[in-house]
């Protein structure tokens, strides 16, 4: 009973407060109008009602209440309680920004960068971001860094980009940490600093930034700016791969195939190669196909191998084009097709593939898949021989002797 009475007591106090705030709001007190708007927007002590909230925000905003101006701009932007009106949103957010409202300054920058309700104005956007960044707004610092980095709307300035990326990065902004790491990693406009890059990649990686996980893995793998650690590299490759990073999946497949940093496991290799292949990674498609041809870690399946080789070949991967030619020349598990094999060898040979040039010479010499043509055979043997293919040189010599 005591608790019930206490609850009724507090309810009475709240009702009294609402009544007092409403009375003050009706008398034109801007602070009370703002507080009443907040109560309606949040459903605190009153029914949640964005239309009523917008009405009170506007009354306070017209009296110069900065927070009310910003909140009203947000309602116009989202179309809550008022019809969506991006121009009105920009107007009210600008009013708050002019009074130094930090979040309004950031939003004003976004509006001008993206042309939401007003024309794109990148120089003005950069000014808004700079003002917000000076007040400690980390997203504004990041956006300003991007503009300086890319030279959009303002003169490109890598040093200023580094400064503002640093401001955001120091406050835990993963994308800023990654972008800054990339600048130090590449030495783009500033001296290369792989140690600093690795430290920043690690921060972003630990925050879940997938490309940072991959880049850090590469640095650990290669010992670039850090002590080489194949075990730690594997861990970050694995994390990135599990998060869908296609190149990490491919490298992980190779690591299992070679027993590099992990136990040799062709089945696990195939699993990761397939995940990368399904995302369109042409080298993974090729290497998975070779495993299917050999039955290495997976049941032998030349038909499926031909399919994966075809996908890689369609992307112009020369090794896949040559291997597809070999598969159909030999007819091992697929119907033999010499004209198609000839076509594959021709494509690969024209792109300088030494074995394809030799095979093409053989097919012209023997009349396989095409009319016998010793002149063409000699031409392709010569090309392969010029690249150091000893058997091609022998065949070429035999043709001349014959």
Protein backbone atom coordinates (compact mmCIF):
# COMPACT_ATOMS: atom_id res chain seq x y z
CA UNK A 1 0.00 0.00 0.00
CA UNK A 2 2.85 2.33 0.77
CA UNK A 3 4.41 1.65 -2.63
CA UNK A 4 1.11 2.17 -4.39
CA UNK A 5 0.64 5.43 -2.58
CA UNK A 6 4.16 6.50 -3.49
CA UNK A 7 3.46 5.72 -7.15
CA UNK A 8 0.30 7.79 -7.07
CA UNK A 9 2.27 10.56 -5.41
CA UNK A 10 4.89 10.62 -8.15
CA UNK A 11 2.18 10.44 -10.83
CA UNK A 12 0.61 13.49 -9.21
CA UNK A 13 3.94 15.33 -9.23
CA UNK A 14 4.44 14.46 -12.91
CA UNK A 15 0.93 15.65 -13.78
CA UNK A 16 1.68 18.89 -11.94
CA UNK A 17 4.95 19.32 -13.84
CA UNK A 18 3.22 18.71 -17.16
CA UNK A 19 0.52 21.20 -16.27
CA UNK A 20 3.14 23.81 -15.28
CA UNK A 21 5.18 23.23 -18.45
CA UNK A 22 2.05 23.42 -20.60
CA UNK A 23 0.95 26.64 -18.90
CA UNK A 24 4.37 28.20 -19.44
CA UNK A 25 4.45 27.00 -23.05
CA UNK A 26 1.05 28.54 -23.72
CA UNK A 27 2.37 31.81 -22.28
CA UNK A 28 5.16 31.78 -24.90
CA UNK A 29 8.13 30.59 -22.81
CA UNK A 30 10.47 29.08 -25.41
CA UNK A 31 12.17 26.69 -22.99
CA UNK A 32 8.82 25.30 -21.88
CA UNK A 33 7.67 24.98 -25.49
CA UNK A 34 10.81 22.98 -26.26
CA UNK A 35 10.38 20.76 -23.20
CA UNK A 36 6.74 20.09 -24.10
CA UNK A 37 7.78 19.24 -27.67
CA UNK A 38 10.35 16.79 -26.30
CA UNK A 39 7.71 15.14 -24.10
CA UNK A 40 5.42 14.63 -27.10
CA UNK A 41 8.29 13.41 -29.30
CA UNK A 42 9.39 10.85 -26.70
CA UNK A 43 6.02 9.99 -25.19
CA UNK A 44 7.13 11.07 -21.71
CA UNK A 45 4.11 11.71 -19.50
CA UNK A 46 1.96 12.34 -22.56
CA UNK A 47 0.89 10.38 -25.61
CA UNK A 48 3.64 10.18 -28.22
CA UNK A 49 2.60 12.57 -30.96
CA UNK A 50 5.07 13.90 -33.52
CA UNK A 51 2.54 16.32 -34.97
CA UNK A 52 2.08 17.95 -31.56
CA UNK A 53 5.85 17.84 -31.03
CA UNK A 54 6.45 19.61 -34.35
CA UNK A 55 3.96 22.32 -33.43
CA UNK A 56 5.74 23.10 -30.13
CA UNK A 57 9.22 22.80 -31.65
CA UNK A 58 8.22 25.38 -34.25
CA UNK A 59 6.90 27.80 -31.62
CA UNK A 60 10.18 27.54 -29.71
CA UNK A 61 12.28 27.62 -32.89
CA UNK A 62 10.68 30.86 -34.04
CA UNK A 63 11.79 32.39 -30.74
CA UNK A 64 15.39 31.37 -31.48
CA UNK A 65 15.58 28.21 -29.38
CA UNK A 66 18.55 26.48 -31.02
CA UNK A 67 17.80 22.87 -30.01
CA UNK A 68 14.21 23.33 -31.17
CA UNK A 69 15.41 24.63 -34.53
CA UNK A 70 17.59 21.56 -34.98
CA UNK A 71 14.88 19.11 -33.89
CA UNK A 72 12.30 20.78 -36.15
CA UNK A 73 14.73 20.49 -39.06
CA UNK A 74 15.05 16.79 -38.32
CA UNK A 75 11.27 16.32 -38.35
CA UNK A 76 11.00 18.07 -41.73
CA UNK A 77 13.85 15.92 -43.05
CA UNK A 78 12.22 12.67 -41.89
CA UNK A 79 8.61 13.70 -42.54
CA UNK A 80 7.55 13.03 -38.94
CA UNK A 81 4.61 15.05 -37.72
CA UNK A 82 4.96 17.32 -40.75
CA UNK A 83 5.04 16.62 -44.49
CA UNK A 84 8.60 15.89 -45.56
CA UNK A 85 10.18 19.08 -46.84
CA UNK A 86 13.93 19.03 -47.40
CA UNK A 87 14.13 22.77 -48.04
CA UNK A 88 12.45 23.54 -44.72
CA UNK A 89 14.70 20.98 -43.06
CA UNK A 90 17.79 22.71 -44.44
CA UNK A 91 16.48 26.12 -43.37
CA UNK A 92 15.90 25.17 -39.73
CA UNK A 93 19.11 23.16 -39.46
CA UNK A 94 20.97 26.16 -40.87
CA UNK A 95 19.40 28.38 -38.21
CA UNK A 96 20.76 26.11 -35.49
CA UNK A 97 24.12 25.76 -37.24
CA UNK A 98 24.54 29.53 -37.38
CA UNK A 99 24.25 29.54 -33.59
CA UNK A 100 27.05 26.97 -33.32
CA UNK A 101 24.93 23.86 -32.68
CA UNK A 102 27.47 21.05 -33.21
CA UNK A 103 25.16 18.39 -34.64
CA UNK A 104 23.39 21.00 -36.79
CA UNK A 105 26.75 22.07 -38.23
CA UNK A 106 27.47 18.47 -39.16
CA UNK A 107 24.01 17.99 -40.67
CA UNK A 108 24.35 21.27 -42.59
CA UNK A 109 27.58 19.91 -44.06
CA UNK A 110 25.85 16.67 -45.07
CA UNK A 111 22.97 18.58 -46.67
CA UNK A 112 25.37 20.68 -48.76
CA UNK A 113 27.60 17.77 -49.67
CA UNK A 114 24.67 15.67 -50.89
CA UNK A 115 22.37 18.41 -52.18
CA UNK A 116 19.45 17.43 -49.94
CA UNK A 117 16.85 20.15 -50.45
CA UNK A 118 19.41 22.68 -51.67
CA UNK A 119 22.14 22.80 -54.29
CA UNK A 120 25.39 20.95 -53.69
CA UNK A 121 27.94 23.34 -52.18
CA UNK A 122 31.12 21.48 -51.25
CA UNK A 123 33.14 24.53 -50.12
CA UNK A 124 30.34 25.46 -47.69
CA UNK A 125 30.02 21.82 -46.63
CA UNK A 126 33.71 21.78 -45.75
CA UNK A 127 33.26 24.93 -43.64
CA UNK A 128 30.38 23.36 -41.74
CA UNK A 129 32.36 20.17 -41.17
CA UNK A 130 35.37 22.18 -39.98
CA UNK A 131 33.26 24.08 -37.44
CA UNK A 132 31.70 20.86 -36.15
CA UNK A 133 35.09 19.13 -36.06
CA UNK A 134 36.48 21.97 -33.93
CA UNK A 135 33.71 21.19 -31.45
CA UNK A 136 34.78 17.54 -31.35
CA UNK A 137 32.37 16.00 -33.86
CA UNK A 138 34.25 12.93 -35.13
CA UNK A 139 32.04 12.14 -38.14
CA UNK A 140 32.44 15.74 -39.29
CA UNK A 141 36.22 15.43 -38.94
CA UNK A 142 36.12 12.25 -41.03
CA UNK A 143 33.96 13.80 -43.77
CA UNK A 144 36.22 16.85 -43.91
CA UNK A 145 39.27 14.58 -44.16
CA UNK A 146 37.63 12.81 -47.12
CA UNK A 147 37.09 16.11 -48.92
CA UNK A 148 40.74 17.09 -48.39
CA UNK A 149 41.91 13.61 -49.36
CA UNK A 150 39.92 13.53 -52.59
CA UNK A 151 40.20 17.23 -53.38
CA UNK A 152 36.44 17.54 -53.73
CA UNK A 153 35.19 21.11 -53.46
CA UNK A 154 38.45 22.21 -51.86
CA UNK A 155 42.10 21.96 -52.85
CA UNK A 156 43.51 18.52 -52.18
CA UNK A 157 45.69 18.60 -49.08
CA UNK A 158 46.99 15.28 -47.77
CA UNK A 159 48.44 16.83 -44.63
CA UNK A 160 45.05 18.27 -43.66
CA UNK A 161 43.40 14.98 -44.55
CA UNK A 162 45.86 13.23 -42.21
CA UNK A 163 45.12 15.77 -39.46
CA UNK A 164 41.34 15.32 -39.62
CA UNK A 165 41.50 11.56 -40.15
CA UNK A 166 43.72 11.52 -37.07
CA UNK A 167 41.18 13.50 -35.06
CA UNK A 168 38.45 11.00 -35.93
CA UNK A 169 40.75 7.97 -35.61
CA UNK A 170 41.88 8.99 -32.12
CA UNK A 171 38.25 8.90 -31.09
CA UNK A 172 37.61 5.39 -32.36
CA UNK A 173 36.30 6.03 -35.90
CA UNK A 174 37.13 2.73 -37.74
CA UNK A 175 36.85 4.12 -41.29
CA UNK A 176 39.14 7.02 -40.36
CA UNK A 177 41.61 4.58 -38.81
CA UNK A 178 41.56 2.54 -42.00
CA UNK A 179 41.90 5.50 -44.38
CA UNK A 180 44.75 6.96 -42.35
CA UNK A 181 46.44 3.54 -42.24
CA UNK A 182 46.14 3.33 -46.02
CA UNK A 183 47.86 6.70 -46.45
CA UNK A 184 50.74 5.66 -44.19
CA UNK A 185 50.89 2.21 -45.80
CA UNK A 186 51.13 3.54 -49.34
CA UNK A 187 53.13 6.67 -48.50
CA UNK A 188 50.61 8.65 -50.53
CA UNK A 189 51.67 12.30 -50.19
CA UNK A 190 53.54 11.72 -46.92
CA UNK A 191 56.54 9.54 -45.99
CA UNK A 192 55.62 5.85 -45.85
CA UNK A 193 55.25 4.57 -42.29
CA UNK A 194 54.29 0.88 -42.25
CA UNK A 195 54.57 0.62 -38.45
CA UNK A 196 52.02 3.39 -37.99
CA UNK A 197 49.87 1.84 -40.73
CA UNK A 198 49.88 -1.56 -39.04
CA UNK A 199 48.93 -0.04 -35.67
CA UNK A 200 45.98 1.80 -37.25
CA UNK A 201 44.89 -1.25 -39.25
CA UNK A 202 44.87 -3.21 -36.00
CA UNK A 203 42.57 -0.67 -34.32
CA UNK A 204 40.17 -0.74 -37.26
CA UNK A 205 40.42 -4.54 -37.55
CA UNK A 206 39.57 -5.03 -33.89
CA UNK A 207 36.54 -2.78 -34.42
CA UNK A 208 35.35 -5.18 -37.14
CA UNK A 209 36.53 -3.29 -40.26
CA UNK A 210 36.95 -6.18 -42.70
CA UNK A 211 39.40 -4.64 -45.19
CA UNK A 212 41.60 -3.58 -42.27
CA UNK A 213 41.59 -7.20 -41.06
CA UNK A 214 42.78 -8.29 -44.49
CA UNK A 215 45.42 -5.58 -44.89
CA UNK A 216 46.82 -6.28 -41.43
CA UNK A 217 46.97 -9.98 -42.28
CA UNK A 218 49.00 -9.15 -45.40
CA UNK A 219 51.44 -7.02 -43.40
CA UNK A 220 51.86 -9.76 -40.79
CA UNK A 221 52.31 -12.32 -43.56
CA UNK A 222 54.98 -10.25 -45.33
CA UNK A 223 56.59 -8.72 -42.25
CA UNK A 224 55.88 -5.23 -43.56
CA UNK A 225 56.23 -2.80 -40.64
CA UNK A 226 55.67 -5.58 -38.13
CA UNK A 227 57.43 -8.72 -36.98
CA UNK A 228 56.34 -11.49 -39.37
CA UNK A 229 53.79 -13.81 -37.79
CA UNK A 230 52.20 -16.42 -40.01
CA UNK A 231 49.99 -17.56 -37.13
CA UNK A 232 48.58 -14.09 -36.46
CA UNK A 233 48.31 -13.45 -40.21
CA UNK A 234 46.24 -16.62 -40.48
CA UNK A 235 43.95 -15.44 -37.66
CA UNK A 236 43.23 -12.12 -39.38
CA UNK A 237 42.83 -13.76 -42.80
CA UNK A 238 40.37 -16.17 -41.22
CA UNK A 239 38.40 -13.38 -39.55
CA UNK A 240 38.24 -11.39 -42.80
CA UNK A 241 37.33 -14.52 -44.76
CA UNK A 242 34.50 -15.38 -42.38
CA UNK A 243 33.26 -11.80 -42.88
CA UNK A 244 33.10 -12.39 -46.63
CA UNK A 245 36.41 -10.89 -47.83
CA UNK A 246 36.92 -12.75 -51.11
CA UNK A 247 40.72 -12.39 -51.38
CA UNK A 248 41.13 -13.51 -47.77
CA UNK A 249 39.07 -16.60 -48.62
CA UNK A 250 41.32 -17.30 -51.60
CA UNK A 251 44.55 -16.86 -49.60
CA UNK A 252 43.16 -19.04 -46.82
CA UNK A 253 42.44 -21.72 -49.42
CA UNK A 254 46.06 -21.54 -50.59
CA UNK A 255 47.39 -21.65 -47.02
CA UNK A 256 45.51 -24.89 -46.34
CA UNK A 257 46.66 -26.30 -49.70
CA UNK A 258 50.32 -25.57 -48.87
CA UNK A 259 50.21 -26.19 -45.12
CA UNK A 260 51.37 -22.63 -44.57
CA UNK A 261 50.68 -21.52 -40.99
CA UNK A 262 48.15 -24.34 -40.65
CA UNK A 263 48.14 -28.09 -41.11
CA UNK A 264 47.92 -29.30 -44.71
CA UNK A 265 44.21 -29.82 -45.41
CA UNK A 266 43.05 -30.08 -49.02
CA UNK A 267 39.41 -30.48 -48.02
CA UNK A 268 39.49 -27.21 -46.05
CA UNK A 269 41.39 -25.62 -48.92
CA UNK A 270 38.59 -26.57 -51.32
CA UNK A 271 35.98 -25.17 -48.94
CA UNK A 272 37.60 -21.73 -48.88
CA UNK A 273 38.45 -21.75 -52.57
CA UNK A 274 34.81 -22.54 -53.34
CA UNK A 275 33.59 -19.66 -51.17
CA UNK A 276 35.88 -17.28 -53.06
CA UNK A 277 35.00 -18.85 -56.40
CA UNK A 278 31.30 -18.37 -55.74
CA UNK A 279 32.02 -14.66 -55.25
CA UNK A 280 33.64 -14.55 -58.69
CA UNK A 281 37.33 -14.72 -57.73
CA UNK A 282 38.87 -16.01 -60.97
CA UNK A 283 42.05 -17.45 -59.44
CA UNK A 284 39.97 -19.32 -56.87
CA UNK A 285 37.76 -20.62 -59.66
CA UNK A 286 40.86 -21.85 -61.50
CA UNK A 287 42.51 -23.47 -58.47
CA UNK A 288 39.26 -25.13 -57.40
CA UNK A 289 38.91 -26.52 -60.93
CA UNK A 290 42.43 -27.99 -60.81
CA UNK A 291 41.57 -29.72 -57.52
CA UNK A 292 38.42 -31.11 -59.11
CA UNK A 293 40.44 -32.46 -62.03
CA UNK A 294 42.91 -34.12 -59.65
CA UNK A 295 40.38 -35.17 -57.03
CA UNK A 296 42.43 -33.34 -54.43
CA UNK A 297 40.40 -32.70 -51.27
CA UNK A 298 37.22 -33.22 -53.24
CA UNK A 299 35.68 -35.94 -55.42
CA UNK A 300 37.11 -35.89 -58.94
CA UNK A 301 34.67 -34.16 -61.27
CA UNK A 302 35.90 -32.98 -64.65
CA UNK A 303 32.50 -31.65 -65.72
CA UNK A 304 32.35 -29.35 -62.69
CA UNK A 305 36.01 -28.48 -63.22
CA UNK A 306 35.19 -27.42 -66.80
CA UNK A 307 32.42 -25.20 -65.46
CA UNK A 308 34.74 -23.40 -63.02
CA UNK A 309 37.47 -23.10 -65.65
CA UNK A 310 34.90 -21.60 -68.00
CA UNK A 311 33.94 -18.98 -65.41
CA UNK A 312 37.57 -18.02 -64.88
CA UNK A 313 38.21 -18.05 -68.64
CA UNK A 314 35.26 -15.71 -69.18
CA UNK A 315 37.10 -13.23 -66.95
CA UNK A 316 40.17 -13.54 -69.17
CA UNK A 317 42.32 -15.65 -66.83
CA UNK A 318 44.92 -17.10 -69.21
CA UNK A 319 45.83 -20.12 -67.08
CA UNK A 320 42.17 -21.12 -67.01
CA UNK A 321 41.82 -20.71 -70.77
CA UNK A 322 44.86 -22.94 -71.33
CA UNK A 323 43.70 -25.55 -68.80
CA UNK A 324 40.25 -25.61 -70.37
CA UNK A 325 41.93 -26.35 -73.70
CA UNK A 326 43.93 -29.20 -72.13
CA UNK A 327 40.83 -30.68 -70.51
CA UNK A 328 38.94 -30.84 -73.80
CA UNK A 329 41.98 -31.95 -75.79
CA UNK A 330 42.50 -34.95 -73.50
CA UNK A 331 38.80 -35.69 -73.00
CA UNK A 332 39.39 -36.87 -69.46
CA UNK A 333 35.93 -36.93 -67.86
CA UNK A 334 34.46 -34.68 -70.57
CA UNK A 335 33.69 -35.25 -74.23
CA UNK A 336 36.82 -34.66 -76.29
CA UNK A 337 36.49 -31.50 -78.39
CA UNK A 338 39.59 -30.67 -80.41
CA UNK A 339 38.22 -27.58 -82.23
CA UNK A 340 37.26 -26.06 -78.88
CA UNK A 341 40.64 -27.01 -77.38
CA UNK A 342 42.27 -25.34 -80.40
CA UNK A 343 40.23 -22.18 -79.81
CA UNK A 344 41.33 -22.08 -76.15
CA UNK A 345 45.00 -22.59 -77.00
CA UNK A 346 44.78 -19.87 -79.64
CA UNK A 347 43.43 -17.33 -77.12
CA UNK A 348 45.99 -18.20 -74.48
CA UNK A 349 48.84 -18.33 -77.00
CA UNK A 350 48.01 -14.89 -78.35
CA UNK A 351 48.31 -13.59 -74.79
CA UNK A 352 51.78 -15.09 -74.49
CA UNK A 353 51.09 -18.33 -72.60
CA UNK A 354 54.17 -20.42 -73.40
CA UNK A 355 52.55 -23.87 -73.03
CA UNK A 356 49.55 -22.78 -75.09
CA UNK A 357 51.91 -21.63 -77.85
CA UNK A 358 53.62 -25.03 -77.82
CA UNK A 359 50.30 -26.94 -77.83
CA UNK A 360 49.01 -24.77 -80.65
CA UNK A 361 52.14 -25.61 -82.65
CA UNK A 362 51.52 -29.31 -82.03
CA UNK A 363 47.90 -29.12 -83.15
CA UNK A 364 48.85 -27.31 -86.35
CA UNK A 365 51.66 -29.81 -86.97
CA UNK A 366 49.39 -32.82 -86.41
CA UNK A 367 46.20 -31.39 -87.89
CA UNK A 368 44.27 -31.79 -84.64
CA UNK A 369 41.13 -29.68 -84.48
CA UNK A 370 42.25 -27.80 -87.56
CA UNK A 371 43.79 -28.39 -90.98
CA UNK A 372 47.45 -29.38 -90.86
CA UNK A 373 49.58 -26.27 -91.33
CA UNK A 374 53.33 -26.58 -90.85
CA UNK A 375 53.92 -22.88 -91.42
CA UNK A 376 51.57 -22.00 -88.53
CA UNK A 377 53.10 -24.77 -86.44
CA UNK A 378 56.57 -23.29 -86.97
CA UNK A 379 55.31 -19.82 -86.09
CA UNK A 380 53.94 -20.90 -82.72
CA UNK A 381 56.87 -23.16 -81.92
CA UNK A 382 59.13 -20.16 -82.57
CA UNK A 383 57.16 -17.98 -80.19
CA UNK A 384 57.33 -20.61 -77.44
CA UNK A 385 61.03 -21.24 -78.11
CA UNK A 386 61.76 -17.54 -77.85
CA UNK A 387 60.38 -17.72 -74.30
CA UNK A 388 62.71 -20.61 -73.48
CA UNK A 389 60.54 -23.66 -74.23
CA UNK A 390 63.08 -26.39 -75.07
CA UNK A 391 60.61 -28.88 -76.58
CA UNK A 392 59.27 -26.15 -78.87
CA UNK A 393 62.82 -25.47 -80.00
CA UNK A 394 63.32 -29.19 -80.78
CA UNK A 395 60.06 -29.37 -82.75
CA UNK A 396 60.98 -26.23 -84.63
CA UNK A 397 64.36 -27.74 -85.51
CA UNK A 398 62.69 -30.97 -86.69
CA UNK A 399 60.34 -28.98 -88.95
CA UNK A 400 63.25 -27.13 -90.54
CA UNK A 401 65.23 -30.35 -90.95
CA UNK A 402 62.20 -32.08 -92.46
